[in-house]
Amino acid sequence: ALSEVLAAEAVSCLNRAMAALRNIWEEIGIPEEQRLERTDVVRKHIKSLLDMMVAEEESLKERLLKSIAVCRKELDTLCRELQLGPFETEEDSTILQMEKNLRTCVEVLQKQKRDRKQELKALQEQDRALCDILCTALFSIDTASVPSLEDLDRYRRHVASLNTLKEQRREEFVANKRQIILLMEELDHTPDTSFERDVVCEDEEAFCLSKDNIVALQNLLQQLEARRALNEAVCAELRARIAALWERLQIPREERESSAVH
């Protein structure tokens, strides 16, 4: 392996350096006793450097093992929160590769957790707004835990159904409001209750689309239609009596036609 070649080269470099030092000491004429001392100093320097390097690499190994333990613990927690199966690791992989794989998985699951929480928050905001308009109860869901995919799917469908209901009631309100305003004008009726004033108010978005309000709206329309029908019946009866009186009094046609416009 290339690492073994490099290690052998390092040993060779050390041997060459020691040989060169010995040659220099011999040329200088340094006594044997001092050569031994200087050789020992070199040994200590080399040993200190190598010990420091080994300690740094041991520290790196410990950090990686600690990171693996932390990631495993966090993965277990995330899998429980996200309602996923236990995380399986490749036991035959190296420490470095395992640490990288576990850290990557933690980041992926953390993003899933954030995404689910954010979607839950957005659905809750929509739900609250729709419930305020429709006067319905909020969707029942545990907000303290991370929602499952099934929970989010049910919540999405619930909000969609509320949106559909809101549009249906809005269309019904607008159509009934139009008829009510026409009937009030025809009957010369001025809105005299708070509900009637809310109905004919120009701000249609402010009208509460509760089930009770929709029923009350239908009842108001039926009451106005009944009043118009009653008025029409009374008018028809009065017209018939007038016509009968015209005949009995033998009123000329010209005079009848001038009055017929009323």
Protein backbone atom coordinates (compact mmCIF):
# COMPACT_ATOMS: atom_id res chain seq x y z
CA ALA A 1 0.00 0.00 0.00
CA LEU A 2 1.08 3.57 -0.64
CA SER A 3 0.95 4.35 3.10
CA GLU A 4 3.47 1.55 3.79
CA VAL A 5 5.77 2.90 1.09
CA LEU A 6 5.59 6.36 2.64
CA ALA A 7 6.24 4.93 6.11
CA ALA A 8 9.30 3.09 4.81
CA GLU A 9 10.45 6.33 3.16
CA ALA A 10 10.07 8.14 6.51
CA VAL A 11 12.26 5.53 8.25
CA SER A 12 14.80 5.82 5.42
CA CYS A 13 14.83 9.62 5.78
CA LEU A 14 15.44 9.25 9.53
CA ASN A 15 18.30 6.80 8.94
CA ARG A 16 19.91 9.10 6.36
CA ALA A 17 19.57 12.06 8.71
CA MET A 18 21.18 10.13 11.58
CA ALA A 19 24.01 8.95 9.31
CA ALA A 20 24.60 12.50 8.12
CA LEU A 21 24.70 13.74 11.72
CA ARG A 22 27.22 11.07 12.67
CA ASN A 23 29.45 12.02 9.73
CA ILE A 24 29.27 15.69 10.69
CA TRP A 25 30.15 14.89 14.33
CA GLU A 26 33.08 12.74 13.19
CA GLU A 27 34.37 15.49 10.88
CA ILE A 28 34.03 18.03 13.67
CA GLY A 29 35.74 15.65 16.07
CA ILE A 30 33.07 15.51 18.71
CA PRO A 31 33.91 12.87 21.33
CA GLU A 32 31.92 9.67 21.51
CA GLU A 33 30.34 10.58 24.84
CA GLN A 34 28.97 13.86 23.40
CA ARG A 35 27.83 12.01 20.28
CA LEU A 36 25.74 9.75 22.49
CA GLU A 37 24.27 12.76 24.26
CA ARG A 38 23.46 14.49 20.97
CA THR A 39 22.00 11.28 19.57
CA ASP A 40 19.81 10.99 22.66
CA VAL A 41 18.64 14.60 22.20
CA VAL A 42 17.69 13.80 18.58
CA ARG A 43 15.89 10.67 19.77
CA LYS A 44 13.94 12.63 22.33
CA HIS A 45 12.98 15.28 19.76
CA ILE A 46 11.81 12.65 17.30
CA LYS A 47 9.99 10.67 20.00
CA SER A 48 8.29 13.84 21.29
CA LEU A 49 7.17 14.78 17.78
CA LEU A 50 5.88 11.30 17.02
CA ASP A 51 4.15 11.01 20.41
CA MET A 52 2.43 14.34 19.75
CA MET A 53 1.33 13.18 16.30
CA VAL A 54 0.03 9.87 17.68
CA ALA A 55 -1.84 11.71 20.45
CA GLU A 56 -3.46 14.03 17.88
CA GLU A 57 -4.60 11.08 15.78
CA GLU A 58 -5.87 9.26 18.90
CA SER A 59 -7.79 12.42 19.81
CA LEU A 60 -9.28 12.46 16.31
CA LYS A 61 -10.32 8.82 16.70
CA GLU A 62 -11.94 9.59 20.09
CA ARG A 63 -13.81 12.56 18.60
CA LEU A 64 -15.08 10.37 15.77
CA LEU A 65 -16.22 7.64 18.18
CA LYS A 66 -17.91 10.23 20.40
CA SER A 67 -19.63 11.74 17.36
CA ILE A 68 -20.80 8.26 16.32
CA ALA A 69 -22.29 7.67 19.79
CA VAL A 70 -24.02 11.08 19.77
CA CYS A 71 -25.36 10.52 16.23
CA ARG A 72 -26.66 7.05 17.12
CA LYS A 73 -28.50 8.47 20.14
CA GLU A 74 -29.92 11.36 18.12
CA LEU A 75 -30.94 8.99 15.31
CA ASP A 76 -32.82 6.80 17.78
CA THR A 77 -34.69 9.87 19.07
CA LEU A 78 -35.45 11.17 15.57
CA CYS A 79 -36.68 7.76 14.40
CA ARG A 80 -39.08 7.60 17.36
CA GLU A 81 -40.28 11.17 16.80
CA LEU A 82 -40.78 10.60 13.07
CA GLN A 83 -42.32 7.18 13.70
CA LEU A 84 -39.72 5.42 11.55
CA GLY A 85 -38.14 2.01 11.95
CA PRO A 86 -34.78 1.64 13.75
CA PHE A 87 -31.79 2.93 11.79
CA GLU A 88 -29.50 0.22 10.41
CA THR A 89 -25.75 0.90 10.03
CA GLU A 90 -23.06 -0.93 8.06
CA GLU A 91 -20.99 -2.40 10.84
CA ASP A 92 -18.12 -3.35 8.51
CA SER A 93 -17.46 0.26 7.45
CA THR A 94 -14.56 2.28 8.80
CA ILE A 95 -14.92 4.66 11.73
CA LEU A 96 -14.55 7.69 9.44
CA GLN A 97 -17.12 6.44 6.94
CA MET A 98 -19.57 5.41 9.66
CA GLU A 99 -19.32 8.83 11.34
CA LYS A 100 -19.94 10.58 8.01
CA ASN A 101 -22.91 8.33 7.17
CA LEU A 102 -24.51 8.76 10.59
CA ARG A 103 -24.01 12.55 10.57
CA THR A 104 -25.56 12.76 7.10
CA CYS A 105 -28.56 10.69 8.22
CA VAL A 106 -29.04 12.92 11.27
CA GLU A 107 -29.10 16.00 9.01
CA VAL A 108 -31.62 14.35 6.67
CA LEU A 109 -33.97 13.35 9.50
CA GLN A 110 -33.62 16.74 11.20
CA LYS A 111 -34.74 18.35 7.92
CA GLN A 112 -37.71 15.97 7.76
CA LYS A 113 -38.62 16.93 11.32
CA ARG A 114 -38.37 20.67 10.52
CA ASP A 115 -40.42 20.24 7.32
CA ARG A 116 -43.20 18.36 9.14
CA LYS A 117 -43.30 20.94 11.94
CA GLN A 118 -43.43 23.81 9.45
CA GLU A 119 -46.22 22.17 7.46
CA LEU A 120 -48.15 21.50 10.68
CA LYS A 121 -47.81 25.18 11.66
CA ALA A 122 -49.00 26.32 8.22
CA LEU A 123 -52.00 23.94 8.34
CA GLN A 124 -52.90 25.15 11.83
CA GLU A 125 -52.88 28.77 10.65
CA GLN A 126 -55.18 27.90 7.74
CA ASP A 127 -57.38 25.82 10.04
CA ARG A 128 -57.76 28.65 12.57
CA ALA A 129 -58.65 31.16 9.84
CA LEU A 130 -61.26 28.82 8.34
CA CYS A 131 -62.73 27.93 11.74
CA ASP A 132 -63.13 31.63 12.53
CA ILE A 133 -65.11 32.11 9.32
CA LEU A 134 -67.12 28.87 9.50
CA CYS A 135 -67.47 28.73 13.32
CA THR A 136 -66.30 25.11 13.41
CA ALA A 137 -64.01 23.25 15.82
CA LEU A 138 -60.26 23.06 15.24
CA PHE A 139 -58.77 19.83 13.88
CA SER A 140 -57.70 17.53 16.71
CA ILE A 141 -53.96 16.81 16.52
CA ASP A 142 -51.13 16.50 19.05
CA THR A 143 -49.05 19.64 18.52
CA ALA A 144 -46.45 18.64 21.13
CA SER A 145 -45.03 15.79 19.03
CA VAL A 146 -43.84 15.54 15.45
CA PRO A 147 -46.83 14.68 13.22
CA SER A 148 -46.71 11.51 11.17
CA LEU A 149 -47.10 11.57 7.40
CA GLU A 150 -50.58 10.09 7.85
CA ASP A 151 -51.51 12.84 10.31
CA LEU A 152 -50.37 15.53 7.89
CA ASP A 153 -52.27 13.90 5.03
CA ARG A 154 -55.48 13.79 7.10
CA TYR A 155 -54.95 17.40 8.14
CA ARG A 156 -54.41 18.49 4.51
CA ARG A 157 -57.64 16.78 3.44
CA HIS A 158 -59.51 18.35 6.39
CA VAL A 159 -58.32 21.86 5.47
CA ALA A 160 -59.18 21.23 1.81
CA SER A 161 -62.71 20.16 2.81
CA LEU A 162 -63.10 23.33 4.92
CA ASN A 163 -61.96 25.44 1.97
CA THR A 164 -64.55 23.72 -0.23
CA LEU A 165 -67.24 24.29 2.41
CA LYS A 166 -66.23 27.93 2.72
CA GLU A 167 -66.54 28.47 -1.05
CA GLN A 168 -69.93 26.72 -1.12
CA ARG A 169 -71.27 28.83 1.73
CA ARG A 170 -69.77 32.00 0.24
CA GLU A 171 -71.51 31.34 -3.08
CA GLU A 172 -74.79 30.60 -1.27
CA PHE A 173 -74.44 33.76 0.81
CA VAL A 174 -73.73 35.98 -2.20
CA ALA A 175 -76.65 34.53 -4.19
CA ASN A 176 -79.09 34.82 -1.27
CA LYS A 177 -77.83 38.30 -0.39
CA ARG A 178 -78.53 39.48 -3.92
CA GLN A 179 -82.11 38.18 -3.76
CA ILE A 180 -82.63 39.61 -0.25
CA ILE A 181 -81.51 43.10 -1.31
CA LEU A 182 -83.84 43.00 -4.33
CA LEU A 183 -86.75 41.86 -2.14
CA MET A 184 -86.05 44.54 0.47
CA GLU A 185 -86.06 47.20 -2.23
CA GLU A 186 -89.24 45.79 -3.74
CA LEU A 187 -90.93 45.64 -0.31
CA ASP A 188 -89.48 49.03 0.71
CA HIS A 189 -88.04 47.27 3.76
CA THR A 190 -85.21 48.86 5.74
CA PRO A 191 -82.91 46.40 7.60
CA ASP A 192 -83.98 46.71 11.22
CA THR A 193 -81.98 43.96 12.96
CA SER A 194 -78.25 43.54 13.41
CA PHE A 195 -78.37 40.33 11.36
CA GLU A 196 -80.15 42.02 8.45
CA ARG A 197 -77.63 44.86 8.56
CA ASP A 198 -74.77 42.32 8.51
CA VAL A 199 -76.34 40.63 5.48
CA VAL A 200 -76.68 43.78 3.35
CA CYS A 201 -73.29 45.17 4.50
CA GLU A 202 -70.96 45.87 1.59
CA ASP A 203 -68.06 43.97 3.23
CA GLU A 204 -69.00 40.42 2.27
CA GLU A 205 -65.78 38.99 3.74
CA ALA A 206 -66.84 40.13 7.22
CA PHE A 207 -69.98 37.95 7.23
CA CYS A 208 -69.58 34.85 9.41
CA LEU A 209 -70.34 31.78 7.29
CA SER A 210 -71.47 29.61 10.19
CA LYS A 211 -74.14 26.96 9.68
CA ASP A 212 -76.54 28.93 11.91
CA ASN A 213 -75.99 32.10 9.88
CA ILE A 214 -76.60 30.27 6.61
CA VAL A 215 -79.85 28.82 8.02
CA ALA A 216 -80.86 32.27 9.30
CA LEU A 217 -80.07 33.71 5.88
CA GLN A 218 -82.34 31.15 4.20
CA ASN A 219 -85.08 31.88 6.73
CA LEU A 220 -84.80 35.63 6.08
CA LEU A 221 -85.06 35.04 2.34
CA GLN A 222 -88.11 32.81 2.84
CA GLN A 223 -89.76 35.44 5.09
CA LEU A 224 -89.22 38.16 2.50
CA GLU A 225 -90.50 35.92 -0.28
CA ALA A 226 -93.55 35.08 1.85
CA ARG A 227 -94.20 38.80 2.46
CA ARG A 228 -93.94 39.50 -1.27
CA ALA A 229 -96.27 36.62 -2.07
CA LEU A 230 -98.73 37.92 0.53
CA ASN A 231 -98.49 41.43 -0.88
CA GLU A 232 -99.00 40.08 -4.38
CA ALA A 233 -102.08 38.17 -3.23
CA VAL A 234 -103.48 41.27 -1.52
CA CYS A 235 -102.78 43.34 -4.63
CA ALA A 236 -104.46 40.78 -6.85
CA GLU A 237 -107.50 40.77 -4.58
CA LEU A 238 -107.65 44.58 -4.55
CA ARG A 239 -107.30 44.71 -8.34
CA ALA A 240 -110.13 42.23 -8.69
CA ARG A 241 -112.36 44.30 -6.36
CA ILE A 242 -111.49 47.48 -8.27
CA ALA A 243 -112.34 45.80 -11.55
CA ALA A 244 -115.62 44.60 -10.10
CA LEU A 245 -116.42 48.10 -8.85
CA TRP A 246 -115.56 49.56 -12.26
CA GLU A 247 -118.02 47.18 -13.84
CA ARG A 248 -120.72 47.91 -11.26
CA LEU A 249 -120.19 51.69 -11.57
CA GLN A 250 -119.81 51.41 -15.34
CA ILE A 251 -116.58 53.46 -15.31
CA PRO A 252 -115.47 54.37 -18.84
CA ARG A 253 -112.51 52.47 -20.31
CA GLU A 254 -110.45 55.65 -20.69
CA GLU A 255 -110.67 56.34 -16.96
CA ARG A 256 -109.90 52.73 -16.15
CA GLU A 257 -106.77 52.80 -18.34
CA SER A 258 -105.51 56.02 -16.72
CA SER A 259 -105.76 54.32 -13.31
CA ALA A 260 -104.47 50.92 -14.42
CA VAL A 261 -100.86 52.13 -14.32
CA HIS A 262 -101.07 52.20 -10.49
